[in-house]
Amino acid sequence: MTSKHLAAPLLVSALLAGCGGGGSKSSNNSSSSDTPAATATYSFVRPTVGAHLVYAQKLADNLNNTVSRTMVRDITAVNADGSFTAHEEDPSHNRIVAGTVDQSLYPTDYQYNASGQPTA
């Protein structure tokens, strides 16, 4: 009978010891901090006519294929209200097909509002 009474507290002790705690932060832990990271904000800079941007893009599609391509954006017009038009294309003009999806970047003209958000 005493073995039953002794086994139950040992089992409970083992379960509590394996639980690990972690309910509160230790004030002596120098690697953790209660202060949140600073938030960075950026102002949109409107482009000027003739601005030329070359950049690389790497994306993964829904079939987990990785697509890497180079893109060029040329600003072709800036309106008085700050909206602008850009021409974008892949300078290599390579056709990129991932699975059954054509990921090629065909030459296209885009319109953006004064905040740089695409509108057409």
N, C-alpha and C. Protein backbone atom coordinates (compact mmCIF):
# COMPACT_ATOMS: atom_id res chain seq x y z
N MET A 1 0.81 -1.19 0.00
CA MET A 1 0.00 0.00 0.00
C MET A 1 0.86 1.25 0.00
N THR A 2 2.01 1.20 0.66
CA THR A 2 2.87 2.38 0.68
C THR A 2 3.49 2.64 -0.67
N SER A 3 3.62 1.61 -1.49
CA SER A 3 4.21 1.81 -2.81
C SER A 3 3.28 2.63 -3.69
N LYS A 4 1.96 2.47 -3.51
CA LYS A 4 1.01 3.27 -4.27
C LYS A 4 1.08 4.72 -3.85
N HIS A 5 1.20 4.98 -2.55
CA HIS A 5 1.25 6.35 -2.06
C HIS A 5 2.56 7.03 -2.45
N LEU A 6 3.61 6.29 -2.60
CA LEU A 6 4.90 6.85 -2.96
C LEU A 6 5.00 7.08 -4.47
N ALA A 7 4.35 6.23 -5.26
CA ALA A 7 4.43 6.32 -6.71
C ALA A 7 3.71 7.56 -7.23
N ALA A 8 2.58 7.91 -6.67
CA ALA A 8 1.81 9.07 -7.15
C ALA A 8 2.59 10.38 -7.00
N PRO A 9 3.19 10.69 -5.84
CA PRO A 9 3.95 11.93 -5.74
C PRO A 9 5.17 11.95 -6.66
N LEU A 10 5.81 10.80 -6.87
CA LEU A 10 6.95 10.74 -7.77
C LEU A 10 6.53 11.04 -9.21
N LEU A 11 5.40 10.50 -9.62
CA LEU A 11 4.88 10.74 -10.96
C LEU A 11 4.54 12.21 -11.16
N VAL A 12 3.87 12.81 -10.18
CA VAL A 12 3.52 14.22 -10.26
C VAL A 12 4.79 15.09 -10.30
N SER A 13 5.78 14.74 -9.50
CA SER A 13 7.04 15.48 -9.48
C SER A 13 7.75 15.40 -10.83
N ALA A 14 7.74 14.21 -11.43
CA ALA A 14 8.38 14.03 -12.73
C ALA A 14 7.67 14.85 -13.81
N LEU A 15 6.35 14.87 -13.76
CA LEU A 15 5.58 15.65 -14.74
C LEU A 15 5.85 17.14 -14.59
N LEU A 16 5.88 17.63 -13.37
CA LEU A 16 6.12 19.05 -13.14
C LEU A 16 7.55 19.44 -13.52
N ALA A 17 8.50 18.58 -13.26
CA ALA A 17 9.89 18.87 -13.60
C ALA A 17 10.07 18.90 -15.12
N GLY A 18 9.35 18.04 -15.83
CA GLY A 18 9.47 17.99 -17.29
C GLY A 18 8.74 19.11 -17.98
N CYS A 19 7.88 19.79 -17.27
CA CYS A 19 7.09 20.87 -17.86
C CYS A 19 7.94 22.07 -18.20
N GLY A 20 8.99 22.34 -17.47
CA GLY A 20 9.92 23.41 -17.82
C GLY A 20 9.55 24.78 -17.34
N GLY A 21 8.38 24.99 -16.86
CA GLY A 21 8.01 26.32 -16.35
C GLY A 21 7.96 27.34 -17.47
N GLY A 22 8.66 28.44 -17.30
CA GLY A 22 8.68 29.49 -18.32
C GLY A 22 7.51 30.42 -18.21
N GLY A 23 6.86 30.47 -17.07
CA GLY A 23 5.70 31.33 -16.92
C GLY A 23 6.03 32.80 -16.81
N SER A 24 7.25 33.13 -16.40
CA SER A 24 7.62 34.53 -16.28
C SER A 24 9.07 34.71 -16.70
N LYS A 25 9.40 35.93 -17.09
CA LYS A 25 10.77 36.23 -17.49
C LYS A 25 11.62 36.50 -16.25
N SER A 26 12.82 36.07 -16.31
CA SER A 26 13.75 36.33 -15.22
C SER A 26 14.32 37.73 -15.38
N SER A 27 14.38 38.47 -14.30
CA SER A 27 14.93 39.82 -14.39
C SER A 27 16.43 39.80 -14.58
N ASN A 28 17.06 38.64 -14.38
CA ASN A 28 18.51 38.52 -14.55
C ASN A 28 18.90 38.09 -15.96
N ASN A 29 17.94 37.84 -16.82
CA ASN A 29 18.22 37.37 -18.16
C ASN A 29 18.60 38.56 -19.03
N SER A 30 19.88 38.68 -19.37
CA SER A 30 20.35 39.85 -20.12
C SER A 30 20.07 39.73 -21.61
N SER A 31 19.71 38.54 -22.12
CA SER A 31 19.49 38.38 -23.54
C SER A 31 18.08 38.75 -23.97
N SER A 32 17.13 38.83 -23.04
CA SER A 32 15.77 39.21 -23.42
C SER A 32 15.52 40.67 -23.03
N SER A 33 14.61 41.27 -23.78
CA SER A 33 14.31 42.67 -23.53
C SER A 33 12.81 42.89 -23.59
N ASP A 34 12.31 43.72 -22.72
CA ASP A 34 10.88 44.03 -22.72
C ASP A 34 10.55 45.19 -23.64
N THR A 35 11.54 45.87 -24.18
CA THR A 35 11.28 47.01 -25.05
C THR A 35 11.13 46.53 -26.49
N PRO A 36 10.09 46.99 -27.18
CA PRO A 36 9.88 46.57 -28.57
C PRO A 36 10.91 47.22 -29.49
N ALA A 37 11.12 46.60 -30.63
CA ALA A 37 12.04 47.15 -31.63
C ALA A 37 11.45 48.42 -32.22
N ALA A 38 12.30 49.35 -32.59
CA ALA A 38 11.85 50.60 -33.18
C ALA A 38 11.23 50.34 -34.55
N THR A 39 10.18 51.06 -34.87
CA THR A 39 9.52 50.93 -36.16
C THR A 39 10.11 51.95 -37.12
N ALA A 40 10.51 51.47 -38.29
CA ALA A 40 11.06 52.36 -39.31
C ALA A 40 9.95 52.79 -40.26
N THR A 41 9.92 54.05 -40.60
CA THR A 41 8.97 54.55 -41.59
C THR A 41 9.75 55.20 -42.72
N TYR A 42 9.21 55.08 -43.91
CA TYR A 42 9.86 55.62 -45.09
C TYR A 42 8.87 56.48 -45.86
N SER A 43 9.35 57.56 -46.40
CA SER A 43 8.51 58.42 -47.22
C SER A 43 8.69 58.04 -48.67
N PHE A 44 7.59 57.99 -49.40
CA PHE A 44 7.65 57.68 -50.83
C PHE A 44 8.26 58.88 -51.56
N VAL A 45 9.23 58.62 -52.38
CA VAL A 45 9.87 59.66 -53.18
C VAL A 45 9.35 59.52 -54.60
N ARG A 46 8.66 60.55 -55.08
CA ARG A 46 8.11 60.50 -56.44
C ARG A 46 9.24 60.51 -57.46
N PRO A 47 9.13 59.67 -58.47
CA PRO A 47 10.18 59.62 -59.48
C PRO A 47 10.08 60.80 -60.44
N THR A 48 11.13 60.99 -61.20
CA THR A 48 11.15 62.02 -62.23
C THR A 48 11.12 61.35 -63.59
N VAL A 49 10.68 62.07 -64.60
CA VAL A 49 10.63 61.53 -65.95
C VAL A 49 12.05 61.15 -66.37
N GLY A 50 12.17 59.98 -66.95
CA GLY A 50 13.47 59.49 -67.39
C GLY A 50 14.21 58.66 -66.35
N ALA A 51 13.67 58.57 -65.14
CA ALA A 51 14.32 57.74 -64.11
C ALA A 51 14.35 56.30 -64.59
N HIS A 52 15.48 55.63 -64.35
CA HIS A 52 15.69 54.27 -64.83
C HIS A 52 16.11 53.41 -63.64
N LEU A 53 15.36 52.35 -63.37
CA LEU A 53 15.62 51.48 -62.24
C LEU A 53 15.81 50.05 -62.75
N VAL A 54 16.90 49.42 -62.35
CA VAL A 54 17.16 48.02 -62.67
C VAL A 54 17.22 47.27 -61.35
N TYR A 55 16.45 46.20 -61.23
CA TYR A 55 16.47 45.44 -59.99
C TYR A 55 16.21 43.96 -60.26
N ALA A 56 16.59 43.14 -59.29
CA ALA A 56 16.39 41.70 -59.38
C ALA A 56 15.20 41.32 -58.52
N GLN A 57 14.48 40.32 -58.97
CA GLN A 57 13.34 39.82 -58.22
C GLN A 57 13.46 38.31 -58.11
N LYS A 58 13.23 37.79 -56.91
CA LYS A 58 13.24 36.34 -56.68
C LYS A 58 11.95 36.01 -55.96
N LEU A 59 11.16 35.11 -56.51
CA LEU A 59 9.89 34.75 -55.89
C LEU A 59 9.68 33.26 -55.97
N ALA A 60 8.80 32.76 -55.13
CA ALA A 60 8.41 31.35 -55.14
C ALA A 60 6.93 31.29 -55.47
N ASP A 61 6.58 30.48 -56.46
CA ASP A 61 5.17 30.36 -56.82
C ASP A 61 4.49 29.32 -55.95
N ASN A 62 3.20 29.10 -56.20
CA ASN A 62 2.44 28.19 -55.35
C ASN A 62 2.78 26.72 -55.58
N LEU A 63 3.63 26.41 -56.57
CA LEU A 63 4.13 25.05 -56.78
C LEU A 63 5.52 24.89 -56.19
N ASN A 64 5.97 25.91 -55.44
CA ASN A 64 7.27 25.94 -54.78
C ASN A 64 8.44 26.00 -55.77
N ASN A 65 8.18 26.55 -56.96
CA ASN A 65 9.25 26.80 -57.92
C ASN A 65 9.84 28.18 -57.61
N THR A 66 11.16 28.30 -57.67
CA THR A 66 11.80 29.59 -57.45
C THR A 66 12.02 30.26 -58.80
N VAL A 67 11.57 31.50 -58.92
CA VAL A 67 11.70 32.25 -60.16
C VAL A 67 12.61 33.45 -59.88
N SER A 68 13.69 33.55 -60.64
CA SER A 68 14.61 34.68 -60.51
C SER A 68 14.64 35.43 -61.84
N ARG A 69 14.49 36.74 -61.77
CA ARG A 69 14.51 37.53 -63.00
C ARG A 69 15.01 38.93 -62.71
N THR A 70 15.46 39.59 -63.75
CA THR A 70 15.88 40.98 -63.68
C THR A 70 14.77 41.83 -64.29
N MET A 71 14.54 42.99 -63.72
CA MET A 71 13.48 43.86 -64.20
C MET A 71 14.03 45.27 -64.41
N VAL A 72 13.46 45.95 -65.36
CA VAL A 72 13.80 47.34 -65.64
C VAL A 72 12.53 48.16 -65.58
N ARG A 73 12.60 49.30 -64.90
CA ARG A 73 11.46 50.23 -64.85
C ARG A 73 11.94 51.60 -65.32
N ASP A 74 11.26 52.13 -66.33
CA ASP A 74 11.55 53.47 -66.84
C ASP A 74 10.32 54.34 -66.61
N ILE A 75 10.51 55.51 -66.01
CA ILE A 75 9.42 56.45 -65.79
C ILE A 75 9.22 57.24 -67.07
N THR A 76 8.03 57.11 -67.66
CA THR A 76 7.77 57.74 -68.95
C THR A 76 6.97 59.04 -68.84
N ALA A 77 6.25 59.23 -67.73
CA ALA A 77 5.48 60.47 -67.56
C ALA A 77 5.19 60.70 -66.08
N VAL A 78 5.22 61.97 -65.67
CA VAL A 78 4.82 62.36 -64.32
C VAL A 78 3.80 63.49 -64.48
N ASN A 79 2.62 63.31 -63.90
CA ASN A 79 1.55 64.29 -64.01
C ASN A 79 1.63 65.34 -62.92
N ALA A 80 0.91 66.44 -63.10
CA ALA A 80 0.93 67.54 -62.15
C ALA A 80 0.44 67.11 -60.77
N ASP A 81 -0.47 66.13 -60.71
CA ASP A 81 -0.99 65.68 -59.41
C ASP A 81 -0.06 64.67 -58.72
N GLY A 82 1.07 64.35 -59.35
CA GLY A 82 2.04 63.44 -58.75
C GLY A 82 1.92 62.01 -59.24
N SER A 83 0.83 61.69 -59.94
CA SER A 83 0.71 60.34 -60.49
C SER A 83 1.72 60.19 -61.64
N PHE A 84 2.06 58.95 -61.95
CA PHE A 84 3.07 58.76 -62.99
C PHE A 84 2.85 57.46 -63.75
N THR A 85 3.51 57.33 -64.88
CA THR A 85 3.43 56.16 -65.72
C THR A 85 4.82 55.56 -65.85
N ALA A 86 4.90 54.24 -65.77
CA ALA A 86 6.19 53.54 -65.87
C ALA A 86 6.07 52.40 -66.87
N HIS A 87 7.17 52.15 -67.55
CA HIS A 87 7.28 51.02 -68.46
C HIS A 87 8.19 49.99 -67.80
N GLU A 88 7.70 48.74 -67.68
CA GLU A 88 8.49 47.69 -67.04
C GLU A 88 8.66 46.52 -67.99
N GLU A 89 9.86 45.93 -67.94
CA GLU A 89 10.12 44.75 -68.75
C GLU A 89 11.35 44.02 -68.24
N ASP A 90 11.53 42.80 -68.73
CA ASP A 90 12.72 42.00 -68.46
C ASP A 90 13.69 42.31 -69.60
N PRO A 91 14.86 42.89 -69.30
CA PRO A 91 15.77 43.26 -70.38
C PRO A 91 16.30 42.07 -71.17
N SER A 92 16.29 40.87 -70.58
CA SER A 92 16.76 39.69 -71.31
C SER A 92 15.67 39.12 -72.22
N HIS A 93 14.42 39.48 -71.94
CA HIS A 93 13.25 38.99 -72.67
C HIS A 93 13.17 37.47 -72.65
N ASN A 94 13.70 36.87 -71.57
CA ASN A 94 13.62 35.41 -71.41
C ASN A 94 12.21 35.02 -71.01
N ARG A 95 11.76 33.88 -71.52
CA ARG A 95 10.46 33.35 -71.14
C ARG A 95 10.68 32.42 -69.96
N ILE A 96 9.96 32.64 -68.85
CA ILE A 96 10.10 31.84 -67.64
C ILE A 96 8.79 31.12 -67.39
N VAL A 97 8.82 29.79 -67.50
CA VAL A 97 7.64 28.98 -67.23
C VAL A 97 7.96 28.09 -66.03
N ALA A 98 7.19 28.24 -64.97
CA ALA A 98 7.35 27.43 -63.75
C ALA A 98 6.12 26.56 -63.63
N GLY A 99 6.30 25.25 -63.80
CA GLY A 99 5.15 24.36 -63.80
C GLY A 99 4.34 24.62 -65.06
N THR A 100 3.10 24.98 -64.89
CA THR A 100 2.25 25.32 -66.03
C THR A 100 1.98 26.82 -66.11
N VAL A 101 2.66 27.60 -65.26
CA VAL A 101 2.39 29.04 -65.19
C VAL A 101 3.51 29.81 -65.89
N ASP A 102 3.13 30.70 -66.77
CA ASP A 102 4.09 31.56 -67.45
C ASP A 102 4.40 32.75 -66.53
N GLN A 103 5.62 32.78 -65.99
CA GLN A 103 6.04 33.85 -65.07
C GLN A 103 6.83 34.93 -65.80
N SER A 104 6.82 34.91 -67.12
CA SER A 104 7.58 35.88 -67.90
C SER A 104 7.07 37.29 -67.64
N LEU A 105 7.98 38.23 -67.66
CA LEU A 105 7.61 39.63 -67.49
C LEU A 105 7.60 40.26 -68.88
N TYR A 106 6.43 40.42 -69.43
CA TYR A 106 6.29 41.01 -70.75
C TYR A 106 6.30 42.53 -70.64
N PRO A 107 6.81 43.22 -71.66
CA PRO A 107 6.82 44.69 -71.61
C PRO A 107 5.41 45.23 -71.35
N THR A 108 5.29 46.03 -70.29
CA THR A 108 3.98 46.53 -69.87
C THR A 108 4.12 47.95 -69.35
N ASP A 109 3.10 48.77 -69.60
CA ASP A 109 3.03 50.12 -69.05
C ASP A 109 2.07 50.11 -67.87
N TYR A 110 2.50 50.70 -66.77
CA TYR A 110 1.70 50.78 -65.54
C TYR A 110 1.46 52.23 -65.18
N GLN A 111 0.32 52.48 -64.55
CA GLN A 111 0.01 53.81 -64.02
C GLN A 111 -0.04 53.71 -62.51
N TYR A 112 0.54 54.72 -61.84
CA TYR A 112 0.59 54.76 -60.38
C TYR A 112 0.01 56.08 -59.89
N ASN A 113 -0.57 56.07 -58.70
CA ASN A 113 -1.05 57.32 -58.11
C ASN A 113 0.13 58.06 -57.46
N ALA A 114 -0.15 59.19 -56.85
CA ALA A 114 0.92 60.03 -56.27
C ALA A 114 1.62 59.35 -55.10
N SER A 115 1.04 58.29 -54.55
CA SER A 115 1.67 57.56 -53.44
C SER A 115 2.45 56.35 -53.93
N GLY A 116 2.50 56.12 -55.24
CA GLY A 116 3.23 55.00 -55.80
C GLY A 116 2.44 53.70 -55.84
N GLN A 117 1.14 53.77 -55.65
CA GLN A 117 0.30 52.57 -55.70
C GLN A 117 -0.20 52.38 -57.12
N PRO A 118 -0.14 51.16 -57.67
CA PRO A 118 -0.60 50.94 -59.04
C PRO A 118 -2.10 51.15 -59.17
N THR A 119 -2.48 51.81 -60.25
CA THR A 119 -3.91 52.07 -60.51
C THR A 119 -4.37 51.44 -61.82
N ALA A 120 -3.45 51.20 -62.73
CA ALA A 120 -3.83 50.59 -64.03
C ALA A 120 -2.61 49.99 -64.68
